[in-house]
Amino acid sequence: MKPTPGQSLFSTIDSTTVVVIRWGDSELDLTCGGSPMVDTDPKIAPSGPMGAATALGKRYTTEDGSVELLCTKPGDGELAVGGVALGIKSATPLPASD
């Protein structure tokens, strides 16, 4: 899969929805909870309380930063690229003002 920045991707197993912020030049397998993400909304309703494996408003990225996703709808599935789980991007500290 090679999505473009701004494209929405949907989980096929839970309510997780992400928007692509950055995607490298290569085609990679993006999964949520082990199932491939798709570009059309399968209209899956949340099933019970959310475990919050994906958190609303958080950015998920690979270690090298080549893939970055923004979670727009939380869900129970864990995001992974090529079988490697994505981590939450840490905030960049602002410089001190003296």
PDB file of N, CA and C in Angstrom:
ATOM      1  N   MET A   1       0.836  -1.173   0.000  1.00  0.00           N
ATOM      2  CA  MET A   1       0.000   0.000   0.000  1.00  0.00           C
ATOM      3  C   MET A   1       0.887   1.245   0.000  1.00  0.00           C
ATOM      4  N   LYS A   2       0.537   2.219  -0.813  1.00  0.00           N
ATOM      5  CA  LYS A   2       1.260   3.486  -0.849  1.00  0.00           C
ATOM      6  C   LYS A   2       0.260   4.637  -0.810  1.00  0.00           C
ATOM      7  N   PRO A   3      -0.236   4.989   0.398  1.00  0.00           N
ATOM      8  CA  PRO A   3      -1.176   6.095   0.507  1.00  0.00           C
ATOM      9  C   PRO A   3      -0.480   7.443   0.337  1.00  0.00           C
ATOM     10  N   THR A   4      -1.265   8.459   0.131  1.00  0.00           N
ATOM     11  CA  THR A   4      -0.746   9.812  -0.030  1.00  0.00           C
ATOM     12  C   THR A   4      -1.075  10.638   1.205  1.00  0.00           C
ATOM     13  N   PRO A   5      -0.275  11.667   1.518  1.00  0.00           N
ATOM     14  CA  PRO A   5      -0.579  12.524   2.663  1.00  0.00           C
ATOM     15  C   PRO A   5      -1.974  13.135   2.525  1.00  0.00           C
ATOM     16  N   GLY A   6      -2.703  13.140   3.640  1.00  0.00           N
ATOM     17  CA  GLY A   6      -4.064  13.654   3.667  1.00  0.00           C
ATOM     18  C   GLY A   6      -5.124  12.582   3.483  1.00  0.00           C
ATOM     19  N   GLN A   7      -4.714  11.390   3.078  1.00  0.00           N
ATOM     20  CA  GLN A   7      -5.656  10.296   2.844  1.00  0.00           C
ATOM     21  C   GLN A   7      -6.068   9.659   4.173  1.00  0.00           C
ATOM     22  N   SER A   8      -7.360   9.340   4.317  1.00  0.00           N
ATOM     23  CA  SER A   8      -7.859   8.640   5.500  1.00  0.00           C
ATOM     24  C   SER A   8      -7.783   7.140   5.273  1.00  0.00           C
ATOM     25  N   LEU A   9      -7.408   6.415   6.329  1.00  0.00           N
ATOM     26  CA  LEU A   9      -7.348   4.958   6.292  1.00  0.00           C
ATOM     27  C   LEU A   9      -8.154   4.419   7.464  1.00  0.00           C
ATOM     28  N   PHE A  10      -8.838   3.290   7.248  1.00  0.00           N
ATOM     29  CA  PHE A  10      -9.769   2.747   8.214  1.00  0.00           C
ATOM     30  C   PHE A  10      -9.401   1.315   8.583  1.00  0.00           C
ATOM     31  N   SER A  11      -9.612   0.974   9.850  1.00  0.00           N
ATOM     32  CA  SER A  11      -9.415  -0.390  10.313  1.00  0.00           C
ATOM     33  C   SER A  11     -10.590  -1.247   9.880  1.00  0.00           C
ATOM     34  N   THR A  12     -10.332  -2.517   9.622  1.00  0.00           N
ATOM     35  CA  THR A  12     -11.403  -3.446   9.261  1.00  0.00           C
ATOM     36  C   THR A  12     -11.877  -4.260  10.457  1.00  0.00           C
ATOM     37  N   ILE A  13     -11.268  -4.041  11.647  1.00  0.00           N
ATOM     38  CA  ILE A  13     -11.650  -4.824  12.822  1.00  0.00           C
ATOM     39  C   ILE A  13     -12.206  -3.988  13.968  1.00  0.00           C
ATOM     40  N   ASP A  14     -11.942  -2.686  13.959  1.00  0.00           N
ATOM     41  CA  ASP A  14     -12.468  -1.816  15.003  1.00  0.00           C
ATOM     42  C   ASP A  14     -12.713  -0.421  14.418  1.00  0.00           C
ATOM     43  N   SER A  15     -12.925   0.565  15.265  1.00  0.00           N
ATOM     44  CA  SER A  15     -13.283   1.902  14.791  1.00  0.00           C
ATOM     45  C   SER A  15     -12.088   2.804  14.496  1.00  0.00           C
ATOM     46  N   THR A  16     -10.867   2.305  14.562  1.00  0.00           N
ATOM     47  CA  THR A  16      -9.676   3.121  14.343  1.00  0.00           C
ATOM     48  C   THR A  16      -9.678   3.749  12.951  1.00  0.00           C
ATOM     49  N   THR A  17      -9.444   5.065  12.927  1.00  0.00           N
ATOM     50  CA  THR A  17      -9.303   5.814  11.679  1.00  0.00           C
ATOM     51  C   THR A  17      -8.084   6.713  11.819  1.00  0.00           C
ATOM     52  N   VAL A  18      -7.258   6.752  10.784  1.00  0.00           N
ATOM     53  CA  VAL A  18      -6.063   7.600  10.794  1.00  0.00           C
ATOM     54  C   VAL A  18      -6.001   8.410   9.505  1.00  0.00           C
ATOM     55  N   VAL A  19      -5.272   9.525   9.570  1.00  0.00           N
ATOM     56  CA  VAL A  19      -4.975  10.333   8.393  1.00  0.00           C
ATOM     57  C   VAL A  19      -3.468  10.263   8.187  1.00  0.00           C
ATOM     58  N   VAL A  20      -3.053  10.065   6.947  1.00  0.00           N
ATOM     59  CA  VAL A  20      -1.633   9.976   6.621  1.00  0.00           C
ATOM     60  C   VAL A  20      -1.034  11.380   6.637  1.00  0.00           C
ATOM     61  N   ILE A  21      -0.005  11.569   7.442  1.00  0.00           N
ATOM     62  CA  ILE A  21       0.731  12.837   7.488  1.00  0.00           C
ATOM     63  C   ILE A  21       1.977  12.738   6.606  1.00  0.00           C
ATOM     64  N   ARG A  22       2.698  11.633   6.738  1.00  0.00           N
ATOM     65  CA  ARG A  22       3.920  11.412   5.958  1.00  0.00           C
ATOM     66  C   ARG A  22       3.996   9.940   5.601  1.00  0.00           C
ATOM     67  N   TRP A  23       4.406   9.655   4.370  1.00  0.00           N
ATOM     68  CA  TRP A  23       4.602   8.277   3.919  1.00  0.00           C
ATOM     69  C   TRP A  23       5.793   8.276   2.988  1.00  0.00           C
ATOM     70  N   GLY A  24       6.768   7.427   3.249  1.00  0.00           N
ATOM     71  CA  GLY A  24       7.978   7.352   2.428  1.00  0.00           C
ATOM     72  C   GLY A  24       7.688   6.896   1.005  1.00  0.00           C
ATOM     73  N   ASP A  25       8.734   6.690   0.244  1.00  0.00           N
ATOM     74  CA  ASP A  25       8.609   6.300  -1.161  1.00  0.00           C
ATOM     75  C   ASP A  25       8.257   4.832  -1.362  1.00  0.00           C
ATOM     76  N   SER A  26       8.471   4.012  -0.339  1.00  0.00           N
ATOM     77  CA  SER A  26       8.249   2.575  -0.522  1.00  0.00           C
ATOM     78  C   SER A  26       6.815   2.169  -0.189  1.00  0.00           C
ATOM     79  N   GLU A  27       6.427   1.027  -0.743  1.00  0.00           N
ATOM     80  CA  GLU A  27       5.120   0.461  -0.439  1.00  0.00           C
ATOM     81  C   GLU A  27       5.271  -0.413   0.801  1.00  0.00           C
ATOM     82  N   LEU A  28       4.449  -0.152   1.820  1.00  0.00           N
ATOM     83  CA  LEU A  28       4.529  -0.867   3.083  1.00  0.00           C
ATOM     84  C   LEU A  28       3.160  -1.410   3.457  1.00  0.00           C
ATOM     85  N   ASP A  29       3.149  -2.438   4.297  1.00  0.00           N
ATOM     86  CA  ASP A  29       1.900  -3.024   4.780  1.00  0.00           C
ATOM     87  C   ASP A  29       1.516  -2.369   6.095  1.00  0.00           C
ATOM     88  N   LEU A  30       0.432  -1.597   6.088  1.00  0.00           N
ATOM     89  CA  LEU A  30      -0.081  -0.954   7.296  1.00  0.00           C
ATOM     90  C   LEU A  30      -1.219  -1.800   7.847  1.00  0.00           C
ATOM     91  N   THR A  31      -1.108  -2.166   9.134  1.00  0.00           N
ATOM     92  CA  THR A  31      -2.136  -2.981   9.762  1.00  0.00           C
ATOM     93  C   THR A  31      -2.619  -2.337  11.053  1.00  0.00           C
ATOM     94  N   CYS A  32      -3.810  -2.730  11.456  1.00  0.00           N
ATOM     95  CA  CYS A  32      -4.369  -2.334  12.752  1.00  0.00           C
ATOM     96  C   CYS A  32      -4.896  -3.611  13.391  1.00  0.00           C
ATOM     97  N   GLY A  33      -4.309  -4.000  14.494  1.00  0.00           N
ATOM     98  CA  GLY A  33      -4.706  -5.245  15.148  1.00  0.00           C
ATOM     99  C   GLY A  33      -4.410  -6.470  14.310  1.00  0.00           C
ATOM    100  N   GLY A  34      -3.433  -6.373  13.417  1.00  0.00           N
ATOM    101  CA  GLY A  34      -3.037  -7.496  12.576  1.00  0.00           C
ATOM    102  C   GLY A  34      -3.778  -7.590  11.256  1.00  0.00           C
ATOM    103  N   SER A  35      -4.803  -6.751  11.043  1.00  0.00           N
ATOM    104  CA  SER A  35      -5.570  -6.763   9.792  1.00  0.00           C
ATOM    105  C   SER A  35      -5.226  -5.527   8.967  1.00  0.00           C
ATOM    106  N   PRO A  36      -5.185  -5.666   7.642  1.00  0.00           N
ATOM    107  CA  PRO A  36      -4.822  -4.529   6.790  1.00  0.00           C
ATOM    108  C   PRO A  36      -5.804  -3.365   6.922  1.00  0.00           C
ATOM    109  N   MET A  37      -5.272  -2.147   6.831  1.00  0.00           N
ATOM    110  CA  MET A  37      -6.111  -0.941   6.818  1.00  0.00           C
ATOM    111  C   MET A  37      -6.560  -0.713   5.379  1.00  0.00           C
ATOM    112  N   VAL A  38      -7.746  -0.117   5.206  1.00  0.00           N
ATOM    113  CA  VAL A  38      -8.320   0.122   3.888  1.00  0.00           C
ATOM    114  C   VAL A  38      -8.648   1.603   3.719  1.00  0.00           C
ATOM    115  N   ASP A  39      -8.854   2.013   2.449  1.00  0.00           N
ATOM    116  CA  ASP A  39      -9.128   3.431   2.190  1.00  0.00           C
ATOM    117  C   ASP A  39     -10.615   3.768   2.078  1.00  0.00           C
ATOM    118  N   THR A  40     -11.490   2.792   2.314  1.00  0.00           N
ATOM    119  CA  THR A  40     -12.933   3.054   2.359  1.00  0.00           C
ATOM    120  C   THR A  40     -13.456   2.640   3.725  1.00  0.00           C
ATOM    121  N   ASP A  41     -14.347   3.431   4.279  1.00  0.00           N
ATOM    122  CA  ASP A  41     -14.865   3.197   5.623  1.00  0.00           C
ATOM    123  C   ASP A  41     -15.777   1.977   5.639  1.00  0.00           C
ATOM    124  N   PRO A  42     -15.397   0.911   6.388  1.00  0.00           N
ATOM    125  CA  PRO A  42     -16.252  -0.278   6.456  1.00  0.00           C
ATOM    126  C   PRO A  42     -17.431  -0.114   7.417  1.00  0.00           C
ATOM    127  N   LYS A  43     -17.559   1.054   8.053  1.00  0.00           N
ATOM    128  CA  LYS A  43     -18.674   1.362   8.967  1.00  0.00           C
ATOM    129  C   LYS A  43     -18.779   0.353  10.110  1.00  0.00           C
ATOM    130  N   ILE A  44     -17.665   0.148  10.795  1.00  0.00           N
ATOM    131  CA  ILE A  44     -17.646  -0.769  11.933  1.00  0.00           C
ATOM    132  C   ILE A  44     -17.971   0.017  13.195  1.00  0.00           C
ATOM    133  N   ALA A  45     -18.959  -0.444  13.925  1.00  0.00           N
ATOM    134  CA  ALA A  45     -19.358   0.207  15.167  1.00  0.00           C
ATOM    135  C   ALA A  45     -18.445  -0.242  16.299  1.00  0.00           C
ATOM    136  N   PRO A  46     -18.146   0.663  17.236  1.00  0.00           N
ATOM    137  CA  PRO A  46     -17.334   0.265  18.382  1.00  0.00           C
ATOM    138  C   PRO A  46     -18.025  -0.843  19.167  1.00  0.00           C
ATOM    139  N   SER A  47     -17.248  -1.803  19.619  1.00  0.00           N
ATOM    140  CA  SER A  47     -17.815  -2.925  20.381  1.00  0.00           C
ATOM    141  C   SER A  47     -17.391  -2.815  21.834  1.00  0.00           C
ATOM    142  N   GLY A  48     -18.217  -2.175  22.642  1.00  0.00           N
ATOM    143  CA  GLY A  48     -17.930  -2.054  24.066  1.00  0.00           C
ATOM    144  C   GLY A  48     -16.938  -0.932  24.347  1.00  0.00           C
ATOM    145  N   PRO A  49     -16.409  -0.889  25.577  1.00  0.00           N
ATOM    146  CA  PRO A  49     -15.467   0.171  25.948  1.00  0.00           C
ATOM    147  C   PRO A  49     -14.154   0.041  25.190  1.00  0.00           C
ATOM    148  N   MET A  50     -13.596   1.169  24.831  1.00  0.00           N
ATOM    149  CA  MET A  50     -12.358   1.185  24.059  1.00  0.00           C
ATOM    150  C   MET A  50     -11.151   0.923  24.961  1.00  0.00           C
ATOM    151  N   GLY A  51     -10.266   0.077  24.490  1.00  0.00           N
ATOM    152  CA  GLY A  51      -9.031  -0.185  25.197  1.00  0.00           C
ATOM    153  C   GLY A  51      -7.988   0.883  24.928  1.00  0.00           C
ATOM    154  N   ALA A  52      -8.276   1.752  23.984  1.00  0.00           N
ATOM    155  CA  ALA A  52      -7.433   2.892  23.632  1.00  0.00           C
ATOM    156  C   ALA A  52      -6.026   2.483  23.223  1.00  0.00           C
ATOM    157  N   ALA A  53      -5.919   1.442  22.392  1.00  0.00           N
ATOM    158  CA  ALA A  53      -4.613   1.095  21.831  1.00  0.00           C
ATOM    159  C   ALA A  53      -4.172   2.204  20.879  1.00  0.00           C
ATOM    160  N   THR A  54      -5.139   2.816  20.205  1.00  0.00           N
ATOM    161  CA  THR A  54      -4.861   4.012  19.428  1.00  0.00           C
ATOM    162  C   THR A  54      -5.631   5.157  20.073  1.00  0.00           C
ATOM    163  N   ALA A  55      -4.949   6.245  20.344  1.00  0.00           N
ATOM    164  CA  ALA A  55      -5.546   7.361  21.075  1.00  0.00           C
ATOM    165  C   ALA A  55      -5.850   8.528  20.141  1.00  0.00           C
ATOM    166  N   LEU A  56      -6.996   9.138  20.343  1.00  0.00           N
ATOM    167  CA  LEU A  56      -7.449  10.268  19.545  1.00  0.00           C
ATOM    168  C   LEU A  56      -6.452  11.421  19.608  1.00  0.00           C
ATOM    169  N   GLY A  57      -6.086  11.954  18.445  1.00  0.00           N
ATOM    170  CA  GLY A  57      -5.222  13.125  18.372  1.00  0.00           C
ATOM    171  C   GLY A  57      -3.736  12.844  18.464  1.00  0.00           C
ATOM    172  N   LYS A  58      -3.354  11.609  18.673  1.00  0.00           N
ATOM    173  CA  LYS A  58      -1.930  11.261  18.773  1.00  0.00           C
ATOM    174  C   LYS A  58      -1.369  10.950  17.398  1.00  0.00           C
ATOM    175  N   ARG A  59      -0.097  11.274  17.227  1.00  0.00           N
ATOM    176  CA  ARG A  59       0.607  10.961  15.989  1.00  0.00           C
ATOM    177  C   ARG A  59       1.445   9.714  16.219  1.00  0.00           C
ATOM    178  N   TYR A  60       1.313   8.776  15.285  1.00  0.00           N
ATOM    179  CA  TYR A  60       2.044   7.507  15.351  1.00  0.00           C
ATOM    180  C   TYR A  60       3.073   7.486  14.240  1.00  0.00           C
ATOM    181  N   THR A  61       4.283   7.044  14.568  1.00  0.00           N
ATOM    182  CA  THR A  61       5.378   7.104  13.608  1.00  0.00           C
ATOM    183  C   THR A  61       6.288   5.890  13.718  1.00  0.00           C
ATOM    184  N   THR A  62       7.007   5.633  12.618  1.00  0.00           N
ATOM    185  CA  THR A  62       8.037   4.598  12.635  1.00  0.00           C
ATOM    186  C   THR A  62       9.279   5.183  13.305  1.00  0.00           C
ATOM    187  N   GLU A  63      10.226   4.328  13.669  1.00  0.00           N
ATOM    188  CA  GLU A  63      11.444   4.797  14.332  1.00  0.00           C
ATOM    189  C   GLU A  63      12.236   5.774  13.470  1.00  0.00           C
ATOM    190  N   ASP A  64      12.272   5.533  12.150  1.00  0.00           N
ATOM    191  CA  ASP A  64      13.033   6.425  11.271  1.00  0.00           C
ATOM    192  C   ASP A  64      12.233   7.645  10.820  1.00  0.00           C
ATOM    193  N   GLY A  65      10.954   7.715  11.177  1.00  0.00           N
ATOM    194  CA  GLY A  65      10.130   8.875  10.844  1.00  0.00           C
ATOM    195  C   GLY A  65       9.623   8.915   9.413  1.00  0.00           C
ATOM    196  N   SER A  66       9.800   7.827   8.664  1.00  0.00           N
ATOM    197  CA  SER A  66       9.365   7.828   7.269  1.00  0.00           C
ATOM    198  C   SER A  66       7.852   7.712   7.124  1.00  0.00           C
ATOM    199  N   VAL A  67       7.180   7.178   8.159  1.00  0.00           N
ATOM    200  CA  VAL A  67       5.720   7.071   8.158  1.00  0.00           C
ATOM    201  C   VAL A  67       5.197   7.790   9.397  1.00  0.00           C
ATOM    202  N   GLU A  68       4.206   8.660   9.187  1.00  0.00           N
ATOM    203  CA  GLU A  68       3.569   9.357  10.305  1.00  0.00           C
ATOM    204  C   GLU A  68       2.067   9.397  10.054  1.00  0.00           C
ATOM    205  N   LEU A  69       1.293   8.981  11.064  1.00  0.00           N
ATOM    206  CA  LEU A  69      -0.162   8.921  10.966  1.00  0.00           C
ATOM    207  C   LEU A  69      -0.779   9.675  12.136  1.00  0.00           C
ATOM    208  N   LEU A  70      -1.916  10.340  11.900  1.00  0.00           N
ATOM    209  CA  LEU A  70      -2.649  11.038  12.944  1.00  0.00           C
ATOM    210  C   LEU A  70      -3.945  10.282  13.208  1.00  0.00           C
ATOM    211  N   CYS A  71      -4.178   9.894  14.444  1.00  0.00           N
ATOM    212  CA  CYS A  71      -5.396   9.150  14.806  1.00  0.00           C
ATOM    213  C   CYS A  71      -6.567  10.122  14.921  1.00  0.00           C
ATOM    214  N   THR A  72      -7.594   9.919  14.086  1.00  0.00           N
ATOM    215  CA  THR A  72      -8.783  10.765  14.115  1.00  0.00           C
ATOM    216  C   THR A  72      -9.975  10.072  14.758  1.00  0.00           C
ATOM    217  N   LYS A  73      -9.866   8.772  14.989  1.00  0.00           N
ATOM    218  CA  LYS A  73     -10.902   8.011  15.688  1.00  0.00           C
ATOM    219  C   LYS A  73     -10.205   6.857  16.397  1.00  0.00           C
ATOM    220  N   PRO A  74     -10.304   6.796  17.746  1.00  0.00           N
ATOM    221  CA  PRO A  74      -9.584   5.763  18.487  1.00  0.00           C
ATOM    222  C   PRO A  74     -10.194   4.383  18.324  1.00  0.00           C
ATOM    223  N   GLY A  75      -9.406   3.383  18.680  1.00  0.00           N
ATOM    224  CA  GLY A  75      -9.866   1.995  18.604  1.00  0.00           C
ATOM    225  C   GLY A  75      -9.008   1.085  19.447  1.00  0.00           C
ATOM    226  N   ASP A  76      -9.321  -0.203  19.400  1.00  0.00           N
ATOM    227  CA  ASP A  76      -8.617  -1.196  20.211  1.00  0.00           C
ATOM    228  C   ASP A  76      -7.375  -1.764  19.537  1.00  0.00           C
ATOM    229  N   GLY A  77      -7.280  -1.678  18.214  1.00  0.00           N
ATOM    230  CA  GLY A  77      -6.171  -2.282  17.491  1.00  0.00           C
ATOM    231  C   GLY A  77      -4.890  -1.473  17.566  1.00  0.00           C
ATOM    232  N   GLU A  78      -3.763  -2.181  17.509  1.00  0.00           N
ATOM    233  CA  GLU A  78      -2.455  -1.516  17.520  1.00  0.00           C
ATOM    234  C   GLU A  78      -1.991  -1.312  16.081  1.00  0.00           C
ATOM    235  N   LEU A  79      -1.502  -0.105  15.761  1.00  0.00           N
ATOM    236  CA  LEU A  79      -1.017   0.203  14.422  1.00  0.00           C
ATOM    237  C   LEU A  79       0.379  -0.372  14.224  1.00  0.00           C
ATOM    238  N   ALA A  80       0.619  -0.936  13.047  1.00  0.00           N
ATOM    239  CA  ALA A  80       1.935  -1.504  12.730  1.00  0.00           C
ATOM    240  C   ALA A  80       2.215  -1.350  11.244  1.00  0.00           C
ATOM    241  N   VAL A  81       3.482  -1.182  10.914  1.00  0.00           N
ATOM    242  CA  VAL A  81       3.945  -1.134   9.523  1.00  0.00           C
ATOM    243  C   VAL A  81       4.949  -2.253   9.347  1.00  0.00           C
ATOM    244  N   GLY A  82       4.656  -3.154   8.405  1.00  0.00           N
ATOM    245  CA  GLY A  82       5.541  -4.286   8.159  1.00  0.00           C
ATOM    246  C   GLY A  82       5.717  -5.169   9.379  1.00  0.00           C
ATOM    247  N   GLY A  83       4.691  -5.253  10.234  1.00  0.00           N
ATOM    248  CA  GLY A  83       4.758  -6.091  11.423  1.00  0.00           C
ATOM    249  C   GLY A  83       5.412  -5.442  12.628  1.00  0.00           C
ATOM    250  N   VAL A  84       5.904  -4.214  12.478  1.00  0.00           N
ATOM    251  CA  VAL A  84       6.550  -3.498  13.580  1.00  0.00           C
ATOM    252  C   VAL A  84       5.593  -2.423  14.100  1.00  0.00           C
ATOM    253  N   ALA A  85       5.295  -2.489  15.394  1.00  0.00           N
ATOM    254  CA  ALA A  85       4.353  -1.547  15.999  1.00  0.00           C
ATOM    255  C   ALA A  85       4.857  -0.111  15.891  1.00  0.00           C
ATOM    256  N   LEU A  86       3.914   0.813  15.633  1.00  0.00           N
ATOM    257  CA  LEU A  86       4.250   2.229  15.572  1.00  0.00           C
ATOM    258  C   LEU A  86       4.234   2.822  16.973  1.00  0.00           C
ATOM    259  N   GLY A  87       5.120   3.783  17.210  1.00  0.00           N
ATOM    260  CA  GLY A  87       5.172   4.459  18.500  1.00  0.00           C
ATOM    261  C   GLY A  87       4.522   5.826  18.409  1.00  0.00           C
ATOM    262  N   ILE A  88       4.159   6.367  19.570  1.00  0.00           N
ATOM    263  CA  ILE A  88       3.576   7.706  19.615  1.00  0.00           C
ATOM    264  C   ILE A  88       4.712   8.713  19.475  1.00  0.00           C
ATOM    265  N   LYS A  89       4.502   9.679  18.585  1.00  0.00           N
ATOM    266  CA  LYS A  89       5.515  10.703  18.345  1.00  0.00           C
ATOM    267  C   LYS A  89       5.560  11.644  19.542  1.00  0.00           C
ATOM    268  N   SER A  90       6.762  11.907  20.020  1.00  0.00           N
ATOM    269  CA  SER A  90       6.904  12.803  21.170  1.00  0.00           C
ATOM    270  C   SER A  90       6.891  14.255  20.703  1.00  0.00           C
ATOM    271  N   ALA A  91       6.455  15.113  21.580  1.00  0.00           N
ATOM    272  CA  ALA A  91       6.388  16.534  21.266  1.00  0.00           C
ATOM    273  C   ALA A  91       7.791  17.125  21.211  1.00  0.00           C
ATOM    274  N   THR A  92       7.982  18.065  20.317  1.00  0.00           N
ATOM    275  CA  THR A  92       9.255  18.752  20.204  1.00  0.00           C
ATOM    276  C   THR A  92       9.279  19.898  21.224  1.00  0.00           C
ATOM    277  N   PRO A  93      10.265  19.915  22.113  1.00  0.00           N
ATOM    278  CA  PRO A  93      10.294  20.980  23.121  1.00  0.00           C
ATOM    279  C   PRO A  93      10.594  22.333  22.472  1.00  0.00           C
ATOM    280  N   LEU A  94       9.915  23.347  22.950  1.00  0.00           N
ATOM    281  CA  LEU A  94      10.151  24.698  22.464  1.00  0.00           C
ATOM    282  C   LEU A  94      11.390  25.275  23.125  1.00  0.00           C
ATOM    283  N   PRO A  95      12.087  26.177  22.451  1.00  0.00           N
ATOM    284  CA  PRO A  95      13.251  26.782  23.083  1.00  0.00           C
ATOM    285  C   PRO A  95      12.832  27.662  24.256  1.00  0.00           C
ATOM    286  N   ALA A  96      13.700  27.740  25.236  1.00  0.00           N
ATOM    287  CA  ALA A  96      13.410  28.566  26.417  1.00  0.00           C
ATOM    288  C   ALA A  96      13.470  30.036  26.027  1.00  0.00           C
ATOM    289  N   SER A  97      12.565  30.803  26.595  1.00  0.00           N
ATOM    290  CA  SER A  97      12.606  32.254  26.367  1.00  0.00           C
ATOM    291  C   SER A  97      13.099  32.920  27.636  1.00  0.00           C
ATOM    292  N   ASP A  98      14.151  33.638  27.488  1.00  0.00           N
ATOM    293  CA  ASP A  98      14.770  34.280  28.665  1.00  0.00           C
ATOM    294  C   ASP A  98      14.394  35.711  28.776  1.00  0.00           C
TER     295      ASP A  98
END
